[in-house]
Amino acid sequence: MTTPEEITRIEQEIVLTLKNIYDPEIPVNIYDLGLVYEIDVEPDGVANIRMTLTAPNCPMADQLLEEVHDNVAKIKGITSVNVILTFEPPWDKSMISEESLLELGLL
């Protein structure tokens, strides 16, 4: 069993990991792009990541989901990873972090 403090540390490490994974079509990481809806780490070390894509027909979907799975699985304390793809709510530009909007010249 993992302590609540350890779960918090693992979740923070997951965020840092996701900030190093970039959408292949937009030069912004998937976390700041707003593609990650939920990160939940269970006491047994199972990481559940609920996320979306910028478009349902994204040709890089499988590669992106695999990259999330494989990189999160490397984090100390993670026993397995479930990447749950959802399109509810649908992604839109309002989900991009303010910092990333600035970088993209959209502010």
N, C-alpha and C. Protein backbone atom coordinates (compact mmCIF):
# COMPACT_ATOMS: atom_id res chain seq x y z
N MET A 1 0.83 -1.19 0.00
CA MET A 1 0.00 0.00 0.00
C MET A 1 0.87 1.25 0.00
N THR A 2 0.44 2.22 -0.77
CA THR A 2 1.16 3.47 -0.90
C THR A 2 0.50 4.51 0.01
N THR A 3 1.31 5.32 0.68
CA THR A 3 0.77 6.36 1.57
C THR A 3 0.18 7.50 0.74
N PRO A 4 -0.72 8.29 1.33
CA PRO A 4 -1.26 9.45 0.61
C PRO A 4 -0.16 10.41 0.14
N GLU A 5 0.88 10.57 0.94
CA GLU A 5 1.98 11.45 0.55
C GLU A 5 2.70 10.91 -0.68
N GLU A 6 2.91 9.59 -0.70
CA GLU A 6 3.58 8.95 -1.83
C GLU A 6 2.71 9.06 -3.09
N ILE A 7 1.41 8.91 -2.93
CA ILE A 7 0.49 9.05 -4.07
C ILE A 7 0.59 10.46 -4.64
N THR A 8 0.63 11.46 -3.77
CA THR A 8 0.76 12.85 -4.22
C THR A 8 2.07 13.04 -4.98
N ARG A 9 3.17 12.47 -4.47
CA ARG A 9 4.46 12.57 -5.15
C ARG A 9 4.39 11.92 -6.53
N ILE A 10 3.79 10.74 -6.59
CA ILE A 10 3.68 10.02 -7.87
C ILE A 10 2.84 10.83 -8.86
N GLU A 11 1.73 11.40 -8.39
CA GLU A 11 0.88 12.19 -9.28
C GLU A 11 1.63 13.41 -9.81
N GLN A 12 2.43 14.04 -8.95
CA GLN A 12 3.23 15.18 -9.40
C GLN A 12 4.27 14.74 -10.43
N GLU A 13 4.84 13.57 -10.22
CA GLU A 13 5.82 13.06 -11.18
C GLU A 13 5.15 12.71 -12.51
N ILE A 14 3.92 12.23 -12.45
CA ILE A 14 3.17 11.94 -13.68
C ILE A 14 2.97 13.24 -14.46
N VAL A 15 2.59 14.32 -13.77
CA VAL A 15 2.40 15.61 -14.44
C VAL A 15 3.69 16.03 -15.12
N LEU A 16 4.82 15.94 -14.42
CA LEU A 16 6.11 16.31 -15.02
C LEU A 16 6.42 15.44 -16.24
N THR A 17 6.09 14.17 -16.14
CA THR A 17 6.32 13.25 -17.27
C THR A 17 5.45 13.65 -18.46
N LEU A 18 4.17 13.94 -18.21
CA LEU A 18 3.26 14.31 -19.29
C LEU A 18 3.65 15.64 -19.93
N LYS A 19 4.31 16.51 -19.16
CA LYS A 19 4.77 17.79 -19.71
C LYS A 19 5.96 17.61 -20.65
N ASN A 20 6.46 16.38 -20.77
CA ASN A 20 7.54 16.08 -21.70
C ASN A 20 7.06 15.28 -22.91
N ILE A 21 5.75 15.15 -23.04
CA ILE A 21 5.16 14.46 -24.19
C ILE A 21 4.41 15.51 -25.00
N TYR A 22 4.75 15.61 -26.26
CA TYR A 22 4.19 16.66 -27.11
C TYR A 22 3.23 16.12 -28.14
N ASP A 23 2.19 16.89 -28.39
CA ASP A 23 1.27 16.59 -29.47
C ASP A 23 2.07 16.71 -30.76
N PRO A 24 1.96 15.73 -31.66
CA PRO A 24 2.77 15.78 -32.88
C PRO A 24 2.41 16.92 -33.83
N GLU A 25 1.23 17.51 -33.68
CA GLU A 25 0.81 18.55 -34.61
C GLU A 25 0.92 19.96 -34.02
N ILE A 26 1.01 20.07 -32.69
CA ILE A 26 1.06 21.38 -32.03
C ILE A 26 2.27 21.36 -31.10
N PRO A 27 3.14 22.37 -31.16
CA PRO A 27 4.36 22.35 -30.36
C PRO A 27 4.13 22.69 -28.88
N VAL A 28 3.17 21.98 -28.26
CA VAL A 28 2.85 22.17 -26.85
C VAL A 28 2.69 20.79 -26.23
N ASN A 29 3.14 20.63 -24.98
CA ASN A 29 3.00 19.33 -24.33
C ASN A 29 1.53 19.02 -24.07
N ILE A 30 1.22 17.73 -23.95
CA ILE A 30 -0.18 17.31 -23.85
C ILE A 30 -0.85 17.78 -22.56
N TYR A 31 -0.07 18.01 -21.51
CA TYR A 31 -0.66 18.47 -20.25
C TYR A 31 -1.11 19.93 -20.39
N ASP A 32 -0.21 20.78 -20.86
CA ASP A 32 -0.55 22.20 -21.02
C ASP A 32 -1.55 22.43 -22.16
N LEU A 33 -1.61 21.49 -23.06
CA LEU A 33 -2.58 21.57 -24.15
C LEU A 33 -4.00 21.29 -23.64
N GLY A 34 -4.09 20.71 -22.45
CA GLY A 34 -5.40 20.42 -21.87
C GLY A 34 -5.95 19.08 -22.27
N LEU A 35 -5.09 18.20 -22.77
CA LEU A 35 -5.55 16.88 -23.21
C LEU A 35 -5.73 15.90 -22.05
N VAL A 36 -5.13 16.20 -20.90
CA VAL A 36 -5.22 15.31 -19.75
C VAL A 36 -6.34 15.82 -18.84
N TYR A 37 -7.37 15.00 -18.70
CA TYR A 37 -8.53 15.40 -17.90
C TYR A 37 -8.41 14.96 -16.45
N GLU A 38 -7.77 13.82 -16.20
CA GLU A 38 -7.71 13.31 -14.84
C GLU A 38 -6.52 12.38 -14.66
N ILE A 39 -5.87 12.51 -13.51
CA ILE A 39 -4.79 11.61 -13.10
C ILE A 39 -5.18 11.07 -11.74
N ASP A 40 -5.26 9.75 -11.63
CA ASP A 40 -5.63 9.13 -10.37
C ASP A 40 -4.69 7.96 -10.12
N VAL A 41 -4.01 8.00 -8.99
CA VAL A 41 -3.13 6.90 -8.62
C VAL A 41 -3.77 6.18 -7.44
N GLU A 42 -4.00 4.89 -7.60
CA GLU A 42 -4.60 4.08 -6.55
C GLU A 42 -3.52 3.65 -5.55
N PRO A 43 -3.92 3.29 -4.33
CA PRO A 43 -2.95 2.88 -3.31
C PRO A 43 -2.05 1.71 -3.72
N ASP A 44 -2.52 0.88 -4.66
CA ASP A 44 -1.70 -0.25 -5.12
C ASP A 44 -0.76 0.12 -6.26
N GLY A 45 -0.70 1.42 -6.61
CA GLY A 45 0.24 1.88 -7.63
C GLY A 45 -0.30 1.89 -9.04
N VAL A 46 -1.59 1.62 -9.21
CA VAL A 46 -2.19 1.67 -10.55
C VAL A 46 -2.49 3.13 -10.88
N ALA A 47 -1.98 3.58 -12.03
CA ALA A 47 -2.22 4.94 -12.50
C ALA A 47 -3.31 4.93 -13.55
N ASN A 48 -4.34 5.71 -13.32
CA ASN A 48 -5.43 5.87 -14.28
C ASN A 48 -5.34 7.28 -14.84
N ILE A 49 -5.16 7.39 -16.14
CA ILE A 49 -5.03 8.68 -16.80
C ILE A 49 -6.15 8.80 -17.83
N ARG A 50 -7.06 9.76 -17.59
CA ARG A 50 -8.15 9.98 -18.52
C ARG A 50 -7.76 11.19 -19.36
N MET A 51 -7.76 10.98 -20.68
CA MET A 51 -7.30 12.03 -21.58
C MET A 51 -8.09 12.01 -22.87
N THR A 52 -7.85 13.02 -23.67
CA THR A 52 -8.50 13.14 -24.96
C THR A 52 -7.46 13.47 -26.03
N LEU A 53 -7.92 13.72 -27.21
CA LEU A 53 -7.06 14.13 -28.33
C LEU A 53 -7.63 15.42 -28.90
N THR A 54 -6.83 16.14 -29.66
CA THR A 54 -7.33 17.39 -30.24
C THR A 54 -8.43 17.13 -31.26
N ALA A 55 -8.43 15.93 -31.86
CA ALA A 55 -9.47 15.54 -32.81
C ALA A 55 -9.67 14.03 -32.74
N PRO A 56 -10.92 13.57 -32.81
CA PRO A 56 -11.18 12.12 -32.73
C PRO A 56 -10.47 11.30 -33.81
N ASN A 57 -10.20 11.90 -34.95
CA ASN A 57 -9.56 11.16 -36.05
C ASN A 57 -8.06 11.40 -36.12
N CYS A 58 -7.46 11.76 -35.01
CA CYS A 58 -6.02 12.03 -34.96
C CYS A 58 -5.23 10.82 -35.46
N PRO A 59 -4.42 10.98 -36.51
CA PRO A 59 -3.68 9.84 -37.06
C PRO A 59 -2.57 9.34 -36.12
N MET A 60 -2.19 10.14 -35.14
CA MET A 60 -1.11 9.76 -34.23
C MET A 60 -1.66 9.25 -32.90
N ALA A 61 -2.95 8.97 -32.81
CA ALA A 61 -3.59 8.61 -31.54
C ALA A 61 -2.90 7.42 -30.87
N ASP A 62 -2.73 6.33 -31.60
CA ASP A 62 -2.13 5.13 -31.00
C ASP A 62 -0.73 5.41 -30.47
N GLN A 63 0.06 6.12 -31.25
CA GLN A 63 1.44 6.44 -30.84
C GLN A 63 1.45 7.31 -29.59
N LEU A 64 0.57 8.30 -29.54
CA LEU A 64 0.52 9.21 -28.39
C LEU A 64 0.09 8.47 -27.12
N LEU A 65 -0.93 7.64 -27.23
CA LEU A 65 -1.40 6.88 -26.07
C LEU A 65 -0.33 5.91 -25.59
N GLU A 66 0.36 5.29 -26.51
CA GLU A 66 1.45 4.37 -26.15
C GLU A 66 2.58 5.12 -25.46
N GLU A 67 2.90 6.31 -25.94
CA GLU A 67 3.96 7.11 -25.33
C GLU A 67 3.58 7.49 -23.89
N VAL A 68 2.32 7.88 -23.67
CA VAL A 68 1.85 8.19 -22.32
C VAL A 68 1.98 6.96 -21.43
N HIS A 69 1.46 5.84 -21.90
CA HIS A 69 1.52 4.59 -21.13
C HIS A 69 2.95 4.23 -20.77
N ASP A 70 3.82 4.18 -21.76
CA ASP A 70 5.19 3.71 -21.55
C ASP A 70 5.99 4.63 -20.64
N ASN A 71 5.81 5.94 -20.77
CA ASN A 71 6.57 6.87 -19.94
C ASN A 71 6.06 6.90 -18.50
N VAL A 72 4.76 6.83 -18.31
CA VAL A 72 4.22 6.82 -16.94
C VAL A 72 4.58 5.51 -16.25
N ALA A 73 4.63 4.42 -17.00
CA ALA A 73 4.96 3.11 -16.42
C ALA A 73 6.38 3.08 -15.84
N LYS A 74 7.25 3.97 -16.27
CA LYS A 74 8.63 4.01 -15.79
C LYS A 74 8.77 4.69 -14.42
N ILE A 75 7.73 5.35 -13.97
CA ILE A 75 7.79 6.10 -12.70
C ILE A 75 7.83 5.13 -11.52
N LYS A 76 8.74 5.41 -10.61
CA LYS A 76 8.88 4.59 -9.41
C LYS A 76 7.57 4.60 -8.62
N GLY A 77 7.09 3.42 -8.27
CA GLY A 77 5.85 3.29 -7.51
C GLY A 77 4.65 2.93 -8.36
N ILE A 78 4.79 3.04 -9.68
CA ILE A 78 3.69 2.68 -10.58
C ILE A 78 3.76 1.18 -10.86
N THR A 79 2.64 0.50 -10.63
CA THR A 79 2.58 -0.95 -10.90
C THR A 79 1.96 -1.25 -12.25
N SER A 80 1.02 -0.41 -12.69
CA SER A 80 0.44 -0.53 -14.03
C SER A 80 -0.22 0.79 -14.40
N VAL A 81 -0.49 0.94 -15.70
CA VAL A 81 -1.04 2.19 -16.21
C VAL A 81 -2.27 1.89 -17.06
N ASN A 82 -3.34 2.61 -16.80
CA ASN A 82 -4.53 2.56 -17.63
C ASN A 82 -4.71 3.94 -18.26
N VAL A 83 -4.60 4.00 -19.58
CA VAL A 83 -4.85 5.25 -20.29
C VAL A 83 -6.25 5.14 -20.87
N ILE A 84 -7.14 6.00 -20.38
CA ILE A 84 -8.54 5.96 -20.79
C ILE A 84 -8.77 7.12 -21.75
N LEU A 85 -9.08 6.79 -22.99
CA LEU A 85 -9.33 7.81 -24.01
C LEU A 85 -10.81 8.17 -24.00
N THR A 86 -11.09 9.47 -23.95
CA THR A 86 -12.47 9.94 -23.95
C THR A 86 -12.59 11.16 -24.87
N PHE A 87 -13.77 11.39 -25.35
CA PHE A 87 -14.02 12.60 -26.14
C PHE A 87 -15.14 13.42 -25.50
N GLU A 88 -15.38 13.16 -24.21
CA GLU A 88 -16.36 13.90 -23.44
C GLU A 88 -15.68 14.52 -22.24
N PRO A 89 -15.60 15.78 -22.08
CA PRO A 89 -16.06 16.76 -23.06
C PRO A 89 -15.08 16.85 -24.23
N PRO A 90 -15.56 17.29 -25.37
CA PRO A 90 -14.67 17.44 -26.52
C PRO A 90 -13.62 18.52 -26.23
N TRP A 91 -12.42 18.30 -26.72
CA TRP A 91 -11.33 19.26 -26.52
C TRP A 91 -11.58 20.49 -27.38
N ASP A 92 -11.23 21.66 -26.83
CA ASP A 92 -11.20 22.87 -27.64
C ASP A 92 -10.09 23.78 -27.12
N LYS A 93 -9.81 24.83 -27.85
CA LYS A 93 -8.68 25.71 -27.53
C LYS A 93 -8.77 26.35 -26.15
N SER A 94 -9.94 26.44 -25.58
CA SER A 94 -10.08 27.06 -24.25
C SER A 94 -9.41 26.22 -23.16
N MET A 95 -9.06 24.99 -23.47
CA MET A 95 -8.42 24.09 -22.49
C MET A 95 -6.91 24.26 -22.43
N ILE A 96 -6.35 25.01 -23.35
CA ILE A 96 -4.90 25.24 -23.39
C ILE A 96 -4.53 26.19 -22.26
N SER A 97 -3.42 25.90 -21.57
CA SER A 97 -2.97 26.78 -20.49
C SER A 97 -2.65 28.16 -21.04
N GLU A 98 -2.78 29.16 -20.17
CA GLU A 98 -2.52 30.54 -20.59
C GLU A 98 -1.09 30.71 -21.10
N GLU A 99 -0.15 30.07 -20.42
CA GLU A 99 1.26 30.14 -20.83
C GLU A 99 1.44 29.60 -22.25
N SER A 100 0.79 28.49 -22.54
CA SER A 100 0.91 27.89 -23.88
C SER A 100 0.20 28.74 -24.94
N LEU A 101 -0.91 29.34 -24.57
CA LEU A 101 -1.59 30.24 -25.52
C LEU A 101 -0.67 31.39 -25.90
N LEU A 102 0.06 31.89 -24.91
CA LEU A 102 1.02 32.96 -25.15
C LEU A 102 2.11 32.49 -26.11
N GLU A 103 2.65 31.28 -25.83
CA GLU A 103 3.72 30.71 -26.68
C GLU A 103 3.25 30.55 -28.12
N LEU A 104 1.99 30.17 -28.28
CA LEU A 104 1.45 29.93 -29.62
C LEU A 104 0.99 31.22 -30.31
N GLY A 105 1.06 32.33 -29.58
CA GLY A 105 0.64 33.60 -30.13
C GLY A 105 -0.87 33.73 -30.23
N LEU A 106 -1.59 33.03 -29.37
CA LEU A 106 -3.05 33.06 -29.41
C LEU A 106 -3.63 34.00 -28.36
N LEU A 107 -2.77 34.70 -27.62
CA LEU A 107 -3.25 35.68 -26.62
C LEU A 107 -2.84 37.07 -27.02
